[in-house]
Amino acid sequence: MATIPFFLLTLFLFRSSAAASKHGEPQDLVRSLCVHASYPSLCLRTLSSYSGPANTPRDLAQAAVKVSLSRARKVSNYLTTNVTGKSKRERVAMSDCVEQLADSVDELSKTLGELKHLRGETFEFQMSNAQTWASAALTNEDTCLDGFEGVDGKVKSDVKRKINNVAKVTSNALYMINRLDESRGRHRLNP
């Protein structure tokens, strides 16, 4: 009689341990991919806390683009509504920066759309598009900061801090996209 409860206890512990190890797999994938990103600690922090699916490199690439897109939208909104330049030069730089961020948002949106609809027969073309658009978004973010050369003060430092943060998550997103392209042969794409 004692063997039945022992058997049930063993079965319960085995199932619990299997569930626990499966639960850790996405975190292991995040860790293994983020370790080589341009900004590994930021990558780990943003993707570990991501609430959507993160079970494949494709999921993580989409998650990284979503993080970048969200931050670009927030910064664009912040710059449009909360920051005003005192000098004409600051106002022009701010206006140009908002325009560059709008372009980044558009490019990141197209990137995400492409990643969501990857197909085997057009995979290389779609990955090329995603890489190009994510790279262009990163360039636009850098170009935004170029407009503030020769400008000093709080506006420049505030914009620089926010844009640098967006550029870092965009750089990590581009890294994840590149990894997805490299891992195509090792991981099956989700339909």
N, C-alpha and C. Protein backbone atom coordinates (compact mmCIF):
# COMPACT_ATOMS: atom_id res chain seq x y z
N MET A 1 0.80 -1.20 0.00
CA MET A 1 0.00 0.00 0.00
C MET A 1 0.85 1.26 0.00
N ALA A 2 1.95 1.20 0.65
CA ALA A 2 2.81 2.38 0.71
C ALA A 2 3.41 2.71 -0.64
N THR A 3 3.42 1.74 -1.55
CA THR A 3 4.00 2.00 -2.86
C THR A 3 3.13 2.91 -3.72
N ILE A 4 1.81 2.87 -3.55
CA ILE A 4 0.93 3.73 -4.34
C ILE A 4 1.14 5.20 -3.98
N PRO A 5 1.11 5.59 -2.68
CA PRO A 5 1.38 7.00 -2.37
C PRO A 5 2.78 7.43 -2.81
N PHE A 6 3.77 6.52 -2.66
CA PHE A 6 5.12 6.85 -3.08
C PHE A 6 5.16 7.08 -4.59
N PHE A 7 4.49 6.22 -5.35
CA PHE A 7 4.41 6.35 -6.79
C PHE A 7 3.76 7.69 -7.18
N LEU A 8 2.65 8.04 -6.52
CA LEU A 8 1.96 9.29 -6.80
C LEU A 8 2.84 10.50 -6.47
N LEU A 9 3.53 10.43 -5.35
CA LEU A 9 4.43 11.52 -4.96
C LEU A 9 5.55 11.67 -5.98
N THR A 10 6.13 10.56 -6.42
CA THR A 10 7.20 10.60 -7.40
C THR A 10 6.69 11.18 -8.73
N LEU A 11 5.51 10.74 -9.15
CA LEU A 11 4.91 11.25 -10.38
C LEU A 11 4.67 12.76 -10.28
N PHE A 12 4.15 13.21 -9.14
CA PHE A 12 3.88 14.63 -8.92
C PHE A 12 5.18 15.44 -8.99
N LEU A 13 6.22 14.97 -8.30
CA LEU A 13 7.50 15.69 -8.30
C LEU A 13 8.11 15.72 -9.69
N PHE A 14 8.01 14.62 -10.44
CA PHE A 14 8.55 14.58 -11.79
C PHE A 14 7.84 15.59 -12.68
N ARG A 15 6.51 15.63 -12.61
CA ARG A 15 5.74 16.58 -13.43
C ARG A 15 6.07 18.02 -13.03
N SER A 16 6.20 18.30 -11.74
CA SER A 16 6.52 19.65 -11.26
C SER A 16 7.89 20.08 -11.75
N SER A 17 8.84 19.16 -11.69
CA SER A 17 10.19 19.50 -12.12
C SER A 17 10.25 19.71 -13.63
N ALA A 18 9.51 18.93 -14.39
CA ALA A 18 9.47 19.13 -15.85
C ALA A 18 8.83 20.46 -16.19
N ALA A 19 7.77 20.82 -15.49
CA ALA A 19 7.11 22.11 -15.74
C ALA A 19 8.04 23.26 -15.39
N ALA A 20 8.77 23.12 -14.30
CA ALA A 20 9.69 24.19 -13.88
C ALA A 20 10.81 24.36 -14.90
N SER A 21 11.34 23.25 -15.43
CA SER A 21 12.43 23.41 -16.40
C SER A 21 11.91 23.98 -17.71
N LYS A 22 10.69 23.62 -18.11
CA LYS A 22 10.12 24.22 -19.32
C LYS A 22 9.89 25.70 -19.12
N HIS A 23 9.50 26.11 -17.92
CA HIS A 23 9.25 27.52 -17.65
C HIS A 23 10.53 28.34 -17.79
N GLY A 24 11.67 27.74 -17.47
CA GLY A 24 12.94 28.47 -17.55
C GLY A 24 13.50 28.58 -18.95
N GLU A 25 13.01 27.78 -19.90
CA GLU A 25 13.57 27.78 -21.25
C GLU A 25 13.54 29.14 -21.93
N PRO A 26 12.42 29.88 -21.91
CA PRO A 26 12.45 31.20 -22.56
C PRO A 26 13.49 32.14 -21.93
N GLN A 27 13.64 32.08 -20.60
CA GLN A 27 14.64 32.93 -19.95
C GLN A 27 16.04 32.53 -20.38
N ASP A 28 16.27 31.22 -20.56
CA ASP A 28 17.57 30.76 -21.03
C ASP A 28 17.83 31.27 -22.45
N LEU A 29 16.81 31.26 -23.29
CA LEU A 29 16.95 31.77 -24.65
C LEU A 29 17.25 33.27 -24.63
N VAL A 30 16.53 34.01 -23.80
CA VAL A 30 16.78 35.45 -23.67
C VAL A 30 18.23 35.67 -23.25
N ARG A 31 18.66 34.97 -22.22
CA ARG A 31 20.03 35.12 -21.72
C ARG A 31 21.05 34.78 -22.81
N SER A 32 20.83 33.67 -23.50
CA SER A 32 21.82 33.22 -24.49
C SER A 32 21.89 34.18 -25.68
N LEU A 33 20.78 34.81 -26.05
CA LEU A 33 20.81 35.75 -27.16
C LEU A 33 21.28 37.14 -26.73
N CYS A 34 20.90 37.56 -25.55
CA CYS A 34 21.26 38.92 -25.10
C CYS A 34 22.73 39.07 -24.74
N VAL A 35 23.38 37.97 -24.40
CA VAL A 35 24.76 38.06 -23.93
C VAL A 35 25.69 38.73 -24.96
N HIS A 36 25.36 38.60 -26.24
CA HIS A 36 26.22 39.17 -27.28
C HIS A 36 25.63 40.42 -27.93
N ALA A 37 24.51 40.90 -27.41
CA ALA A 37 23.90 42.11 -27.95
C ALA A 37 24.80 43.32 -27.67
N SER A 38 24.56 44.40 -28.36
CA SER A 38 25.35 45.62 -28.15
C SER A 38 25.24 46.12 -26.71
N TYR A 39 24.06 45.98 -26.14
CA TYR A 39 23.79 46.43 -24.77
C TYR A 39 23.15 45.27 -24.02
N PRO A 40 23.98 44.29 -23.57
CA PRO A 40 23.45 43.05 -23.02
C PRO A 40 22.56 43.22 -21.79
N SER A 41 22.95 44.07 -20.86
CA SER A 41 22.13 44.21 -19.65
C SER A 41 20.78 44.86 -19.97
N LEU A 42 20.77 45.82 -20.88
CA LEU A 42 19.51 46.44 -21.31
C LEU A 42 18.66 45.42 -22.05
N CYS A 43 19.28 44.62 -22.89
CA CYS A 43 18.58 43.57 -23.63
C CYS A 43 17.93 42.59 -22.65
N LEU A 44 18.69 42.12 -21.70
CA LEU A 44 18.19 41.17 -20.72
C LEU A 44 17.05 41.77 -19.91
N ARG A 45 17.23 43.01 -19.49
CA ARG A 45 16.20 43.68 -18.67
C ARG A 45 14.90 43.89 -19.47
N THR A 46 15.00 44.34 -20.70
CA THR A 46 13.79 44.63 -21.47
C THR A 46 13.10 43.36 -21.94
N LEU A 47 13.85 42.36 -22.36
CA LEU A 47 13.22 41.16 -22.90
C LEU A 47 12.81 40.16 -21.81
N SER A 48 13.48 40.19 -20.66
CA SER A 48 13.07 39.30 -19.56
C SER A 48 11.73 39.73 -18.99
N SER A 49 11.45 41.02 -19.06
CA SER A 49 10.19 41.52 -18.50
C SER A 49 9.10 41.61 -19.56
N TYR A 50 9.40 41.21 -20.79
CA TYR A 50 8.42 41.27 -21.87
C TYR A 50 7.30 40.28 -21.57
N SER A 51 6.06 40.73 -21.71
CA SER A 51 4.92 39.91 -21.31
C SER A 51 4.39 39.00 -22.41
N GLY A 52 4.80 39.19 -23.65
CA GLY A 52 4.32 38.36 -24.74
C GLY A 52 5.13 37.07 -24.86
N PRO A 53 4.88 36.32 -25.93
CA PRO A 53 5.62 35.07 -26.12
C PRO A 53 7.10 35.35 -26.40
N ALA A 54 7.95 34.52 -25.85
CA ALA A 54 9.39 34.66 -26.05
C ALA A 54 10.03 33.28 -26.06
N ASN A 55 9.52 32.40 -26.91
CA ASN A 55 9.98 31.01 -26.93
C ASN A 55 10.94 30.70 -28.06
N THR A 56 11.03 31.59 -29.04
CA THR A 56 11.89 31.35 -30.21
C THR A 56 12.66 32.62 -30.53
N PRO A 57 13.72 32.50 -31.32
CA PRO A 57 14.43 33.71 -31.75
C PRO A 57 13.50 34.68 -32.48
N ARG A 58 12.55 34.15 -33.22
CA ARG A 58 11.58 35.02 -33.92
C ARG A 58 10.74 35.81 -32.91
N ASP A 59 10.26 35.14 -31.86
CA ASP A 59 9.51 35.83 -30.81
C ASP A 59 10.34 36.95 -30.19
N LEU A 60 11.61 36.65 -29.94
CA LEU A 60 12.48 37.64 -29.29
C LEU A 60 12.80 38.80 -30.23
N ALA A 61 12.97 38.53 -31.50
CA ALA A 61 13.21 39.61 -32.46
C ALA A 61 11.98 40.52 -32.50
N GLN A 62 10.79 39.94 -32.55
CA GLN A 62 9.56 40.74 -32.55
C GLN A 62 9.43 41.52 -31.25
N ALA A 63 9.73 40.88 -30.13
CA ALA A 63 9.64 41.56 -28.83
C ALA A 63 10.60 42.74 -28.78
N ALA A 64 11.82 42.54 -29.27
CA ALA A 64 12.82 43.62 -29.25
C ALA A 64 12.37 44.79 -30.12
N VAL A 65 11.78 44.50 -31.27
CA VAL A 65 11.28 45.58 -32.14
C VAL A 65 10.10 46.28 -31.47
N LYS A 66 9.23 45.52 -30.81
CA LYS A 66 8.09 46.13 -30.10
C LYS A 66 8.57 47.07 -28.99
N VAL A 67 9.61 46.66 -28.27
CA VAL A 67 10.17 47.52 -27.22
C VAL A 67 10.71 48.80 -27.83
N SER A 68 11.47 48.67 -28.91
CA SER A 68 12.04 49.83 -29.58
C SER A 68 10.95 50.75 -30.12
N LEU A 69 9.95 50.17 -30.75
CA LEU A 69 8.83 50.94 -31.30
C LEU A 69 8.08 51.69 -30.20
N SER A 70 7.83 51.02 -29.12
CA SER A 70 7.13 51.65 -27.99
C SER A 70 7.92 52.83 -27.43
N ARG A 71 9.21 52.63 -27.25
CA ARG A 71 10.04 53.71 -26.71
C ARG A 71 10.17 54.86 -27.70
N ALA A 72 10.29 54.56 -28.97
CA ALA A 72 10.38 55.64 -29.97
C ALA A 72 9.10 56.46 -29.98
N ARG A 73 7.95 55.80 -29.89
CA ARG A 73 6.68 56.52 -29.83
C ARG A 73 6.58 57.39 -28.59
N LYS A 74 6.99 56.86 -27.45
CA LYS A 74 6.92 57.62 -26.19
C LYS A 74 7.82 58.85 -26.25
N VAL A 75 9.03 58.68 -26.76
CA VAL A 75 9.95 59.82 -26.84
C VAL A 75 9.45 60.84 -27.84
N SER A 76 8.92 60.39 -28.95
CA SER A 76 8.37 61.32 -29.94
C SER A 76 7.22 62.12 -29.33
N ASN A 77 6.35 61.45 -28.64
CA ASN A 77 5.23 62.13 -27.98
C ASN A 77 5.74 63.11 -26.93
N TYR A 78 6.72 62.69 -26.15
CA TYR A 78 7.29 63.55 -25.11
C TYR A 78 7.90 64.81 -25.74
N LEU A 79 8.69 64.62 -26.80
CA LEU A 79 9.34 65.77 -27.43
C LEU A 79 8.32 66.71 -28.07
N THR A 80 7.27 66.16 -28.60
CA THR A 80 6.23 66.96 -29.25
C THR A 80 5.44 67.78 -28.23
N THR A 81 5.18 67.20 -27.07
CA THR A 81 4.28 67.86 -26.12
C THR A 81 4.96 68.53 -24.93
N ASN A 82 6.16 68.10 -24.56
CA ASN A 82 6.74 68.59 -23.31
C ASN A 82 8.00 69.44 -23.43
N VAL A 83 8.64 69.41 -24.58
CA VAL A 83 9.93 70.09 -24.68
C VAL A 83 9.83 71.22 -25.71
N THR A 84 10.22 72.39 -25.28
CA THR A 84 10.27 73.51 -26.21
C THR A 84 11.66 74.13 -26.13
N GLY A 85 12.21 74.43 -27.27
CA GLY A 85 13.53 75.04 -27.31
C GLY A 85 13.42 76.54 -27.08
N LYS A 86 14.43 77.07 -26.43
CA LYS A 86 14.44 78.51 -26.16
C LYS A 86 14.93 79.28 -27.39
N SER A 87 16.00 78.79 -27.97
CA SER A 87 16.55 79.49 -29.13
C SER A 87 15.96 78.92 -30.42
N LYS A 88 16.14 79.69 -31.49
CA LYS A 88 15.66 79.21 -32.79
C LYS A 88 16.37 77.92 -33.16
N ARG A 89 17.65 77.86 -32.90
CA ARG A 89 18.44 76.65 -33.20
C ARG A 89 17.90 75.43 -32.46
N GLU A 90 17.55 75.58 -31.18
CA GLU A 90 16.97 74.47 -30.41
C GLU A 90 15.63 74.05 -31.00
N ARG A 91 14.80 75.01 -31.38
CA ARG A 91 13.48 74.69 -31.94
C ARG A 91 13.60 73.95 -33.27
N VAL A 92 14.54 74.39 -34.11
CA VAL A 92 14.75 73.72 -35.39
C VAL A 92 15.27 72.30 -35.16
N ALA A 93 16.23 72.15 -34.26
CA ALA A 93 16.79 70.83 -33.94
C ALA A 93 15.69 69.92 -33.40
N MET A 94 14.83 70.48 -32.54
CA MET A 94 13.74 69.70 -31.96
C MET A 94 12.75 69.26 -33.04
N SER A 95 12.41 70.18 -33.93
CA SER A 95 11.48 69.86 -35.01
C SER A 95 12.05 68.76 -35.91
N ASP A 96 13.34 68.89 -36.26
CA ASP A 96 13.99 67.88 -37.08
C ASP A 96 14.03 66.53 -36.36
N CYS A 97 14.28 66.57 -35.07
CA CYS A 97 14.36 65.35 -34.28
C CYS A 97 13.00 64.64 -34.23
N VAL A 98 11.94 65.40 -34.03
CA VAL A 98 10.60 64.82 -34.01
C VAL A 98 10.30 64.17 -35.37
N GLU A 99 10.71 64.81 -36.45
CA GLU A 99 10.51 64.25 -37.78
C GLU A 99 11.32 62.95 -37.97
N GLN A 100 12.56 62.96 -37.49
CA GLN A 100 13.39 61.76 -37.58
C GLN A 100 12.78 60.61 -36.78
N LEU A 101 12.25 60.93 -35.60
CA LEU A 101 11.62 59.89 -34.78
C LEU A 101 10.36 59.35 -35.44
N ALA A 102 9.60 60.22 -36.09
CA ALA A 102 8.40 59.76 -36.82
C ALA A 102 8.81 58.77 -37.91
N ASP A 103 9.91 59.07 -38.59
CA ASP A 103 10.43 58.14 -39.60
C ASP A 103 10.86 56.82 -38.95
N SER A 104 11.50 56.90 -37.79
CA SER A 104 11.91 55.69 -37.06
C SER A 104 10.70 54.84 -36.69
N VAL A 105 9.66 55.49 -36.19
CA VAL A 105 8.44 54.77 -35.82
C VAL A 105 7.87 54.06 -37.04
N ASP A 106 7.84 54.74 -38.17
CA ASP A 106 7.33 54.14 -39.40
C ASP A 106 8.19 52.94 -39.81
N GLU A 107 9.49 53.10 -39.77
CA GLU A 107 10.39 52.01 -40.17
C GLU A 107 10.32 50.83 -39.21
N LEU A 108 10.21 51.10 -37.92
CA LEU A 108 10.09 50.01 -36.95
C LEU A 108 8.74 49.30 -37.09
N SER A 109 7.70 50.04 -37.44
CA SER A 109 6.39 49.42 -37.68
C SER A 109 6.46 48.48 -38.88
N LYS A 110 7.14 48.92 -39.94
CA LYS A 110 7.29 48.07 -41.11
C LYS A 110 8.15 46.84 -40.78
N THR A 111 9.16 47.04 -39.96
CA THR A 111 10.01 45.93 -39.54
C THR A 111 9.19 44.88 -38.80
N LEU A 112 8.39 45.34 -37.86
CA LEU A 112 7.56 44.42 -37.08
C LEU A 112 6.58 43.68 -37.98
N GLY A 113 5.97 44.39 -38.90
CA GLY A 113 5.04 43.75 -39.84
C GLY A 113 5.72 42.66 -40.65
N GLU A 114 6.94 42.93 -41.07
CA GLU A 114 7.68 41.94 -41.86
C GLU A 114 8.00 40.72 -41.01
N LEU A 115 8.42 40.93 -39.76
CA LEU A 115 8.78 39.81 -38.88
C LEU A 115 7.56 38.96 -38.53
N LYS A 116 6.40 39.58 -38.48
CA LYS A 116 5.19 38.83 -38.14
C LYS A 116 4.73 37.93 -39.27
N HIS A 117 5.16 38.19 -40.48
CA HIS A 117 4.67 37.45 -41.65
C HIS A 117 5.79 36.76 -42.43
N LEU A 118 6.81 36.31 -41.73
CA LEU A 118 7.91 35.62 -42.41
C LEU A 118 7.43 34.31 -43.04
N ARG A 119 7.87 34.08 -44.27
CA ARG A 119 7.53 32.85 -44.99
C ARG A 119 8.80 32.26 -45.58
N GLY A 120 8.82 30.96 -45.65
CA GLY A 120 10.01 30.26 -46.14
C GLY A 120 10.46 30.71 -47.52
N GLU A 121 9.51 30.86 -48.45
CA GLU A 121 9.90 31.18 -49.82
C GLU A 121 10.37 32.63 -49.99
N THR A 122 9.98 33.51 -49.10
CA THR A 122 10.40 34.92 -49.21
C THR A 122 11.23 35.36 -48.00
N PHE A 123 11.70 34.41 -47.21
CA PHE A 123 12.39 34.71 -45.96
C PHE A 123 13.57 35.67 -46.16
N GLU A 124 14.43 35.38 -47.10
CA GLU A 124 15.63 36.22 -47.30
C GLU A 124 15.25 37.65 -47.68
N PHE A 125 14.28 37.82 -48.56
CA PHE A 125 13.82 39.14 -48.96
C PHE A 125 13.21 39.88 -47.77
N GLN A 126 12.39 39.18 -46.99
CA GLN A 126 11.75 39.80 -45.83
C GLN A 126 12.79 40.18 -44.76
N MET A 127 13.77 39.31 -44.55
CA MET A 127 14.81 39.62 -43.57
C MET A 127 15.64 40.82 -44.02
N SER A 128 15.91 40.90 -45.31
CA SER A 128 16.64 42.05 -45.83
C SER A 128 15.85 43.34 -45.58
N ASN A 129 14.55 43.29 -45.83
CA ASN A 129 13.70 44.45 -45.54
C ASN A 129 13.76 44.82 -44.06
N ALA A 130 13.58 43.83 -43.19
CA ALA A 130 13.57 44.08 -41.74
C ALA A 130 14.89 44.68 -41.29
N GLN A 131 16.00 44.12 -41.78
CA GLN A 131 17.32 44.63 -41.41
C GLN A 131 17.52 46.06 -41.91
N THR A 132 17.10 46.33 -43.12
CA THR A 132 17.25 47.66 -43.70
C THR A 132 16.43 48.68 -42.92
N TRP A 133 15.18 48.36 -42.62
CA TRP A 133 14.32 49.31 -41.90
C TRP A 133 14.78 49.54 -40.47
N ALA A 134 15.20 48.49 -39.79
CA ALA A 134 15.69 48.67 -38.42
C ALA A 134 16.98 49.50 -38.42
N SER A 135 17.84 49.24 -39.39
CA SER A 135 19.07 50.02 -39.52
C SER A 135 18.76 51.49 -39.82
N ALA A 136 17.79 51.73 -40.69
CA ALA A 136 17.39 53.11 -41.01
C ALA A 136 16.81 53.80 -39.78
N ALA A 137 16.05 53.07 -38.98
CA ALA A 137 15.50 53.66 -37.75
C ALA A 137 16.63 54.08 -36.82
N LEU A 138 17.64 53.24 -36.70
CA LEU A 138 18.80 53.56 -35.86
C LEU A 138 19.54 54.78 -36.40
N THR A 139 19.68 54.86 -37.71
CA THR A 139 20.33 56.02 -38.33
C THR A 139 19.53 57.30 -38.06
N ASN A 140 18.21 57.22 -38.17
CA ASN A 140 17.37 58.39 -37.90
C ASN A 140 17.54 58.87 -36.46
N GLU A 141 17.64 57.93 -35.53
CA GLU A 141 17.81 58.31 -34.13
C GLU A 141 19.15 59.02 -33.93
N ASP A 142 20.19 58.52 -34.59
CA ASP A 142 21.50 59.18 -34.51
C ASP A 142 21.46 60.55 -35.17
N THR A 143 20.77 60.64 -36.30
CA THR A 143 20.65 61.92 -37.02
C THR A 143 19.95 62.96 -36.17
N CYS A 144 18.98 62.53 -35.40
CA CYS A 144 18.28 63.45 -34.49
C CYS A 144 19.29 64.16 -33.59
N LEU A 145 20.22 63.40 -33.05
CA LEU A 145 21.20 63.99 -32.13
C LEU A 145 22.17 64.92 -32.86
N ASP A 146 22.44 64.65 -34.12
CA ASP A 146 23.35 65.50 -34.89
C ASP A 146 22.84 66.94 -34.96
N GLY A 147 21.54 67.11 -34.98
CA GLY A 147 20.96 68.46 -35.05
C GLY A 147 21.24 69.31 -33.83
N PHE A 148 21.63 68.67 -32.74
CA PHE A 148 21.88 69.42 -31.50
C PHE A 148 23.35 69.79 -31.31
N GLU A 149 24.18 69.52 -32.32
CA GLU A 149 25.58 69.93 -32.22
C GLU A 149 25.64 71.45 -32.14
N GLY A 150 26.42 71.95 -31.22
CA GLY A 150 26.53 73.39 -31.02
C GLY A 150 25.45 73.95 -30.12
N VAL A 151 24.56 73.10 -29.64
CA VAL A 151 23.50 73.53 -28.71
C VAL A 151 23.88 73.01 -27.33
N ASP A 152 23.78 73.86 -26.34
CA ASP A 152 24.08 73.44 -24.97
C ASP A 152 22.83 73.60 -24.12
N GLY A 153 22.88 72.98 -22.96
CA GLY A 153 21.79 73.20 -22.02
C GLY A 153 20.94 71.97 -21.75
N LYS A 154 19.88 72.23 -20.98
CA LYS A 154 19.00 71.17 -20.51
C LYS A 154 18.25 70.48 -21.64
N VAL A 155 17.79 71.22 -22.62
CA VAL A 155 17.03 70.62 -23.72
C VAL A 155 17.89 69.58 -24.43
N LYS A 156 19.13 69.94 -24.76
CA LYS A 156 20.02 69.01 -25.45
C LYS A 156 20.28 67.78 -24.59
N SER A 157 20.59 67.96 -23.33
CA SER A 157 20.91 66.80 -22.48
C SER A 157 19.69 65.90 -22.28
N ASP A 158 18.51 66.50 -22.17
CA ASP A 158 17.29 65.72 -22.01
C ASP A 158 17.00 64.91 -23.27
N VAL A 159 17.09 65.56 -24.43
CA VAL A 159 16.85 64.88 -25.70
C VAL A 159 17.89 63.79 -25.92
N LYS A 160 19.14 64.11 -25.66
CA LYS A 160 20.23 63.16 -25.86
C LYS A 160 20.02 61.90 -25.01
N ARG A 161 19.66 62.07 -23.76
CA ARG A 161 19.44 60.93 -22.86
C ARG A 161 18.32 60.04 -23.39
N LYS A 162 17.21 60.64 -23.79
CA LYS A 162 16.06 59.88 -24.27
C LYS A 162 16.34 59.20 -25.62
N ILE A 163 16.96 59.92 -26.52
CA ILE A 163 17.26 59.36 -27.84
C ILE A 163 18.30 58.24 -27.72
N ASN A 164 19.30 58.42 -26.87
CA ASN A 164 20.29 57.37 -26.68
C ASN A 164 19.64 56.08 -26.17
N ASN A 165 18.66 56.21 -25.30
CA ASN A 165 17.96 55.03 -24.80
C ASN A 165 17.21 54.33 -25.93
N VAL A 166 16.52 55.10 -26.76
CA VAL A 166 15.81 54.51 -27.91
C VAL A 166 16.81 53.86 -28.87
N ALA A 167 17.91 54.53 -29.12
CA ALA A 167 18.92 53.99 -30.03
C ALA A 167 19.50 52.68 -29.50
N LYS A 168 19.69 52.58 -28.21
CA LYS A 168 20.23 51.34 -27.63
C LYS A 168 19.26 50.17 -27.80
N VAL A 169 17.97 50.39 -27.52
CA VAL A 169 17.02 49.28 -27.70
C VAL A 169 16.84 48.96 -29.18
N THR A 170 16.97 49.96 -30.05
CA THR A 170 16.88 49.71 -31.49
C THR A 170 18.10 48.92 -31.95
N SER A 171 19.25 49.24 -31.43
CA SER A 171 20.47 48.49 -31.76
C SER A 171 20.32 47.03 -31.33
N ASN A 172 19.77 46.81 -30.14
CA ASN A 172 19.54 45.45 -29.68
C ASN A 172 18.50 44.74 -30.56
N ALA A 173 17.49 45.47 -31.00
CA ALA A 173 16.48 44.88 -31.89
C ALA A 173 17.13 44.45 -33.21
N LEU A 174 17.98 45.30 -33.74
CA LEU A 174 18.68 44.97 -34.98
C LEU A 174 19.55 43.72 -34.78
N TYR A 175 20.19 43.64 -33.64
CA TYR A 175 21.00 42.45 -33.32
C TYR A 175 20.12 41.20 -33.32
N MET A 176 18.94 41.29 -32.69
CA MET A 176 18.03 40.13 -32.64
C MET A 176 17.55 39.74 -34.04
N ILE A 177 17.30 40.73 -34.88
CA ILE A 177 16.89 40.46 -36.26
C ILE A 177 18.03 39.75 -36.99
N ASN A 178 19.24 40.23 -36.83
CA ASN A 178 20.39 39.60 -37.47
C ASN A 178 20.59 38.17 -36.96
N ARG A 179 20.39 37.97 -35.67
CA ARG A 179 20.49 36.61 -35.10
C ARG A 179 19.42 35.70 -35.67
N LEU A 180 18.23 36.22 -35.86
CA LEU A 180 17.15 35.44 -36.44
C LEU A 180 17.52 34.99 -37.84
N ASP A 181 18.11 35.87 -38.59
CA ASP A 181 18.54 35.53 -39.95
C ASP A 181 19.60 34.43 -39.90
N GLU A 182 20.54 34.55 -38.96
CA GLU A 182 21.61 33.55 -38.82
C GLU A 182 21.07 32.21 -38.33
N SER A 183 20.04 32.25 -37.48
CA SER A 183 19.55 31.02 -36.86
C SER A 183 18.49 30.31 -37.68
N ARG A 184 18.18 30.82 -38.84
CA ARG A 184 17.10 30.25 -39.65
C ARG A 184 17.25 28.74 -39.82
N GLY A 185 18.43 28.29 -40.05
CA GLY A 185 18.64 26.86 -40.25
C GLY A 185 18.58 26.05 -38.97
N ARG A 186 18.74 26.69 -37.83
CA ARG A 186 18.77 25.96 -36.56
C ARG A 186 17.43 25.94 -35.86
N HIS A 187 16.55 26.90 -36.14
CA HIS A 187 15.24 26.97 -35.49
C HIS A 187 14.17 27.06 -36.55
N ARG A 188 13.13 26.31 -36.37
CA ARG A 188 12.02 26.34 -37.31
C ARG A 188 11.20 27.60 -37.10
N LEU A 189 10.78 28.23 -38.17
CA LEU A 189 9.93 29.42 -38.09
C LEU A 189 8.53 29.03 -37.64
N ASN A 190 7.90 29.90 -36.87
CA ASN A 190 6.50 29.68 -36.51
C ASN A 190 5.66 29.98 -37.73
N PRO A 191 4.59 29.22 -37.97
CA PRO A 191 3.74 29.51 -39.12
C PRO A 191 3.04 30.84 -38.99
